[in-house]
């Protein structure tokens, strides 16, 4: 049985649940349209810095932050449109702005659609009119995120988009990573390395960018927590980023449609014609074993 309910906490929080598997997620539209929690039979899948979450002026560290209209950062946070420079923060503004909750459904899954539109605040850093709608659907132990991006501007609209999910983990040395790419770039040093399926978790930080993906599926098995995460993504996504920090009980495995600085390099950048739209889908499946 699928259910959708809401409760006023610090923010209005929507709970999507599937009683058949004991799975439920919490969605907080006002806080960047984010999924903050995902539990399966009482066991948490996502990490969330709950103290940081209570401070609206701080970005959320945890859950499943939305990256739009860019993934990563730009040199000097700057890019140009028609000869005019604009400054925009790392990962864009979607994760910081309030989204609006729209349609809810329990037909074939528990789902809710959240939407974000352009305004004067967004146009100061990103001079385009847009409308973005994400539909979260929980079905069994799978969370599906269907996205629609619309260009409402009279000129072509460039962007990239992605997700930054934080997965709660145990001993990182018991993590097995399956990423469909033979090479990665260390974002800190810009050095390129061959990937053998293992990371050195003794480093203070791991920030690895994988391109040339050979498959539409990636996964991480946490043998300490007995949890396997599998992420399916469509052809909209061209990069995966693995990120973690020493001493923190999370890792992030992030599907990106383009890599850092694509607003300047144009590499894998999505450009929507006026009055056009595109869609994308990401599905995350979590299984405790």
Protein backbone atom coordinates (compact mmCIF):
# COMPACT_ATOMS: atom_id res chain seq x y z
CA UNK A 1 0.00 0.00 0.00
CA UNK A 2 1.38 3.39 -1.00
CA UNK A 3 0.84 6.50 1.10
CA UNK A 4 1.66 10.21 0.93
CA UNK A 5 1.28 12.40 4.01
CA UNK A 6 2.60 15.72 5.29
CA UNK A 7 3.65 17.12 8.64
CA UNK A 8 4.73 20.57 9.73
CA UNK A 9 8.18 20.36 11.30
CA UNK A 10 10.73 23.16 10.88
CA UNK A 11 9.57 22.91 7.27
CA UNK A 12 6.52 21.23 5.80
CA UNK A 13 7.71 17.66 5.29
CA UNK A 14 6.10 15.11 2.96
CA UNK A 15 6.42 11.40 3.73
CA UNK A 16 6.16 8.87 0.90
CA UNK A 17 5.84 5.26 2.01
CA UNK A 18 5.46 1.76 0.66
CA UNK A 19 4.10 -0.45 3.43
CA UNK A 20 4.88 -3.64 1.52
CA UNK A 21 8.62 -3.15 2.01
CA UNK A 22 8.67 -0.83 5.04
CA UNK A 23 10.30 1.85 2.90
CA UNK A 24 9.69 5.58 3.33
CA UNK A 25 11.27 8.85 2.28
CA UNK A 26 10.88 12.41 3.52
CA UNK A 27 10.79 15.31 1.06
CA UNK A 28 11.23 18.94 2.14
CA UNK A 29 10.30 21.19 -0.83
CA UNK A 30 11.09 24.46 0.97
CA UNK A 31 14.69 23.37 1.64
CA UNK A 32 15.86 22.98 -1.94
CA UNK A 33 13.33 20.35 -2.98
CA UNK A 34 15.44 17.81 -1.14
CA UNK A 35 14.91 14.24 0.06
CA UNK A 36 16.26 14.36 3.62
CA UNK A 37 15.64 10.81 4.80
CA UNK A 38 15.11 7.34 3.39
CA UNK A 39 14.39 4.50 5.77
CA UNK A 40 13.83 0.82 5.06
CA UNK A 41 12.37 -1.05 8.03
CA UNK A 42 13.76 1.64 10.30
CA UNK A 43 17.29 1.59 8.87
CA UNK A 44 18.48 4.89 7.38
CA UNK A 45 19.92 4.99 3.86
CA UNK A 46 20.86 8.68 3.69
CA UNK A 47 23.23 10.68 5.86
CA UNK A 48 22.06 14.08 7.12
CA UNK A 49 23.85 16.71 9.18
CA UNK A 50 20.73 17.53 11.20
CA UNK A 51 22.26 20.50 13.03
CA UNK A 52 23.38 22.17 9.80
CA UNK A 53 19.95 21.50 8.29
CA UNK A 54 18.30 23.77 10.88
CA UNK A 55 20.24 26.79 9.58
CA UNK A 56 18.61 28.10 6.36
CA UNK A 57 21.67 30.19 5.48
CA UNK A 58 23.83 27.05 5.20
CA UNK A 59 23.76 24.55 2.35
CA UNK A 60 22.40 21.14 3.29
CA UNK A 61 25.01 18.47 3.88
CA UNK A 62 23.08 15.27 3.52
CA UNK A 63 20.07 13.75 1.83
CA UNK A 64 19.92 14.16 -1.94
CA UNK A 65 20.77 17.78 -2.91
CA UNK A 66 19.82 18.94 -6.42
CA UNK A 67 22.52 20.48 -8.62
CA UNK A 68 21.21 23.07 -11.11
CA UNK A 69 21.97 24.97 -13.34
CA UNK A 70 25.52 23.69 -12.98
CA UNK A 71 27.43 20.83 -11.41
CA UNK A 72 30.63 21.64 -9.53
CA UNK A 73 32.21 25.06 -9.60
CA UNK A 74 33.63 27.56 -12.10
CA UNK A 75 37.00 29.37 -12.04
CA UNK A 76 36.32 32.48 -9.98
CA UNK A 77 32.65 31.36 -9.98
CA UNK A 78 32.34 33.18 -13.33
CA UNK A 79 30.91 32.44 -16.79
CA UNK A 80 29.75 34.57 -19.70
CA UNK A 81 26.51 34.93 -21.67
CA UNK A 82 26.55 37.14 -24.78
CA UNK A 83 29.69 38.88 -23.59
CA UNK A 84 28.40 39.62 -20.09
CA UNK A 85 29.96 37.97 -17.04
CA UNK A 86 27.87 36.35 -14.33
CA UNK A 87 28.89 34.90 -10.99
CA UNK A 88 27.22 31.78 -9.64
CA UNK A 89 27.97 29.56 -6.63
CA UNK A 90 29.22 25.98 -6.77
CA UNK A 91 26.44 23.56 -7.77
CA UNK A 92 24.04 26.44 -8.49
CA UNK A 93 21.03 27.71 -6.58
CA UNK A 94 18.43 24.92 -6.82
CA UNK A 95 19.62 23.28 -3.60
CA UNK A 96 19.20 26.56 -1.69
CA UNK A 97 15.86 27.89 -2.92
CA UNK A 98 12.34 26.91 -1.83
CA UNK A 99 10.54 24.63 -4.26
CA UNK A 100 6.76 24.27 -4.46
CA UNK A 101 4.98 20.98 -3.81
CA UNK A 102 2.50 20.09 -6.54
CA UNK A 103 0.87 16.81 -7.59
CA UNK A 104 0.74 13.83 -5.24
CA UNK A 105 -0.20 10.28 -6.18
CA UNK A 106 -0.46 6.76 -4.77
CA UNK A 107 -1.18 5.16 -8.14
CA UNK A 108 1.56 2.58 -8.82
CA UNK A 109 3.84 4.18 -6.23
CA UNK A 110 3.96 6.97 -3.67
CA UNK A 111 4.92 10.15 -5.52
CA UNK A 112 5.14 13.90 -5.22
CA UNK A 113 6.18 16.54 -7.75
CA UNK A 114 8.19 19.59 -6.67
CA UNK A 115 8.77 22.59 -8.93
CA UNK A 116 11.15 25.53 -9.22
CA UNK A 117 10.83 28.52 -11.51
CA UNK A 118 13.04 31.46 -12.37
CA UNK A 119 12.70 34.75 -10.51
CA UNK A 120 14.66 37.98 -10.08
CA UNK A 121 17.04 36.27 -7.66
CA UNK A 122 17.93 33.50 -10.09
CA UNK A 123 18.13 35.84 -13.11
CA UNK A 124 20.76 37.94 -11.35
CA UNK A 125 23.17 35.00 -11.62
CA UNK A 126 21.58 32.98 -14.45
CA UNK A 127 19.83 35.20 -17.02
CA UNK A 128 17.22 32.73 -18.23
CA UNK A 129 13.55 32.03 -17.59
CA UNK A 130 13.03 28.37 -16.75
CA UNK A 131 10.73 25.88 -15.09
CA UNK A 132 12.00 22.68 -13.49
CA UNK A 133 9.81 19.86 -12.16
CA UNK A 134 11.06 16.79 -10.28
CA UNK A 135 8.76 13.87 -9.48
CA UNK A 136 9.92 11.61 -6.66
CA UNK A 137 8.35 8.14 -6.73
CA UNK A 138 8.93 5.50 -4.07
CA UNK A 139 8.15 1.98 -5.17
CA UNK A 140 9.49 -0.90 -3.10
CA UNK A 141 13.12 -0.19 -2.28
CA UNK A 142 13.57 2.06 -5.31
CA UNK A 143 13.44 5.85 -5.39
CA UNK A 144 12.89 7.20 -8.91
CA UNK A 145 13.44 10.86 -9.78
CA UNK A 146 11.89 12.01 -13.06
CA UNK A 147 12.96 15.47 -14.14
CA UNK A 148 11.68 17.97 -16.67
CA UNK A 149 13.63 21.08 -17.65
CA UNK A 150 11.87 23.82 -19.63
CA UNK A 151 13.38 26.88 -21.29
CA UNK A 152 10.89 29.75 -21.11
CA UNK A 153 13.40 32.27 -22.50
CA UNK A 154 13.50 33.71 -26.03
CA UNK A 155 17.15 32.59 -26.31
CA UNK A 156 18.87 29.17 -26.00
CA UNK A 157 19.37 28.10 -22.38
CA UNK A 158 22.57 26.24 -21.36
CA UNK A 159 22.73 24.20 -18.17
CA UNK A 160 23.93 21.08 -16.45
CA UNK A 161 22.19 19.19 -13.68
CA UNK A 162 22.85 16.40 -11.24
CA UNK A 163 22.39 14.92 -7.80
CA UNK A 164 24.65 14.85 -4.75
CA UNK A 165 23.26 11.98 -2.61
CA UNK A 166 24.90 11.38 0.78
CA UNK A 167 24.77 7.72 1.77
CA UNK A 168 25.22 6.77 5.41
CA UNK A 169 28.07 4.27 5.72
CA UNK A 170 29.99 2.18 8.22
CA UNK A 171 33.67 1.24 7.95
CA UNK A 172 34.73 2.66 4.59
CA UNK A 173 37.42 0.02 4.20
CA UNK A 174 34.58 -2.48 3.81
CA UNK A 175 33.08 -0.57 0.89
CA UNK A 176 33.14 -2.07 -2.62
CA UNK A 177 32.68 0.43 -5.44
CA UNK A 178 31.53 -0.51 -8.94
CA UNK A 179 31.84 2.49 -11.27
CA UNK A 180 31.63 1.85 -15.05
CA UNK A 181 34.76 3.74 -16.00
CA UNK A 182 38.43 2.77 -16.22
CA UNK A 183 39.82 6.18 -15.30
CA UNK A 184 39.14 9.17 -13.09
CA UNK A 185 40.50 12.63 -12.44
CA UNK A 186 41.34 13.80 -8.93
CA UNK A 187 39.55 17.13 -8.75
CA UNK A 188 41.97 18.45 -6.14
CA UNK A 189 45.17 17.85 -8.12
CA UNK A 190 43.70 17.49 -11.64
CA UNK A 191 45.77 14.31 -12.03
CA UNK A 192 44.36 11.37 -13.97
CA UNK A 193 44.42 7.83 -12.60
CA UNK A 194 43.47 4.32 -13.66
CA UNK A 195 40.63 2.96 -11.53
CA UNK A 196 40.96 -0.55 -10.13
CA UNK A 197 37.78 -0.45 -8.08
CA UNK A 198 39.44 0.67 -4.85
CA UNK A 199 40.02 3.97 -3.06
CA UNK A 200 42.50 4.85 -0.34
CA UNK A 201 40.17 5.96 2.43
CA UNK A 202 43.07 7.12 4.58
CA UNK A 203 43.14 10.33 2.51
CA UNK A 204 41.61 13.44 4.07
CA UNK A 205 39.32 13.78 1.06
CA UNK A 206 38.44 11.82 -2.06
CA UNK A 207 37.01 13.83 -4.97
CA UNK A 208 37.13 11.64 -8.06
CA UNK A 209 35.47 12.46 -11.39
CA UNK A 210 34.66 9.59 -13.77
CA UNK A 211 33.84 10.14 -17.44
CA UNK A 212 33.48 7.88 -20.50
CA UNK A 213 30.90 5.76 -18.71
CA UNK A 214 30.48 2.30 -20.22
CA UNK A 215 27.20 1.51 -18.48
CA UNK A 216 24.02 3.16 -17.18
CA UNK A 217 24.43 1.53 -13.76
CA UNK A 218 26.77 2.13 -10.84
CA UNK A 219 26.75 0.65 -7.34
CA UNK A 220 28.38 0.62 -3.91
CA UNK A 221 28.23 -2.29 -1.50
CA UNK A 222 28.76 -1.44 2.17
CA UNK A 223 29.69 -4.75 3.77
CA UNK A 224 29.76 -3.19 7.24
CA UNK A 225 26.14 -1.95 7.11
CA UNK A 226 25.09 -4.81 4.80
CA UNK A 227 23.67 -2.31 2.33
CA UNK A 228 23.96 -2.19 -1.44
CA UNK A 229 23.14 1.00 -3.32
CA UNK A 230 22.55 0.78 -7.08
CA UNK A 231 22.01 3.88 -9.21
CA UNK A 232 20.49 3.73 -12.70
CA UNK A 233 20.68 6.85 -14.87
CA UNK A 234 19.76 7.60 -18.47
CA UNK A 235 21.86 9.07 -21.27
CA UNK A 236 21.40 12.60 -19.94
CA UNK A 237 24.17 11.81 -17.43
CA UNK A 238 27.76 11.72 -18.65
CA UNK A 239 29.82 11.78 -15.44
CA UNK A 240 29.90 10.19 -12.00
CA UNK A 241 31.62 11.78 -9.01
CA UNK A 242 32.69 9.87 -5.91
CA UNK A 243 33.28 12.14 -2.93
CA UNK A 244 33.91 11.58 0.77
CA UNK A 245 35.75 13.16 3.69
CA UNK A 246 37.87 11.34 6.26
CA UNK A 247 36.20 10.94 9.63
CA UNK A 248 32.66 11.41 8.30
CA UNK A 249 30.25 8.48 8.03
CA UNK A 250 29.07 9.19 4.50
CA UNK A 251 30.09 8.81 0.89
CA UNK A 252 28.55 10.49 -2.15
CA UNK A 253 28.08 8.88 -5.55
CA UNK A 254 26.81 11.63 -7.84
CA UNK A 255 25.38 11.44 -11.39
CA UNK A 256 26.17 14.67 -13.30
CA UNK A 257 25.03 15.64 -16.79
CA UNK A 258 28.29 17.55 -17.35
CA UNK A 259 31.48 18.11 -15.42
CA UNK A 260 32.86 21.24 -13.76
CA UNK A 261 33.19 24.43 -15.79
CA UNK A 262 30.92 23.19 -18.59
CA UNK A 263 29.17 26.58 -18.69
CA UNK A 264 32.49 27.85 -20.03
CA UNK A 265 33.92 24.86 -21.90
CA UNK A 266 30.50 23.78 -23.32
CA UNK A 267 31.55 20.13 -22.90
CA UNK A 268 28.45 17.92 -22.55
CA UNK A 269 26.46 21.06 -21.78
CA UNK A 270 22.71 20.78 -22.40
CA UNK A 271 21.36 23.69 -24.46
CA UNK A 272 17.60 23.99 -24.76
CA UNK A 273 16.09 25.96 -27.63
CA UNK A 274 13.49 28.61 -26.74
CA UNK A 275 10.18 27.11 -25.57
CA UNK A 276 11.63 23.59 -25.56
CA UNK A 277 12.15 21.05 -22.80
CA UNK A 278 13.98 17.84 -21.97
CA UNK A 279 13.56 15.04 -19.47
CA UNK A 280 15.86 12.79 -17.47
CA UNK A 281 15.52 9.90 -15.01
CA UNK A 282 17.62 8.63 -12.11
CA UNK A 283 16.65 5.63 -9.98
CA UNK A 284 18.30 4.62 -6.71
CA UNK A 285 17.71 1.15 -5.28
CA UNK A 286 18.73 0.32 -1.71
CA UNK A 287 18.84 -3.23 -0.40
CA UNK A 288 19.95 -4.39 3.02
CA UNK A 289 21.30 -7.93 2.99
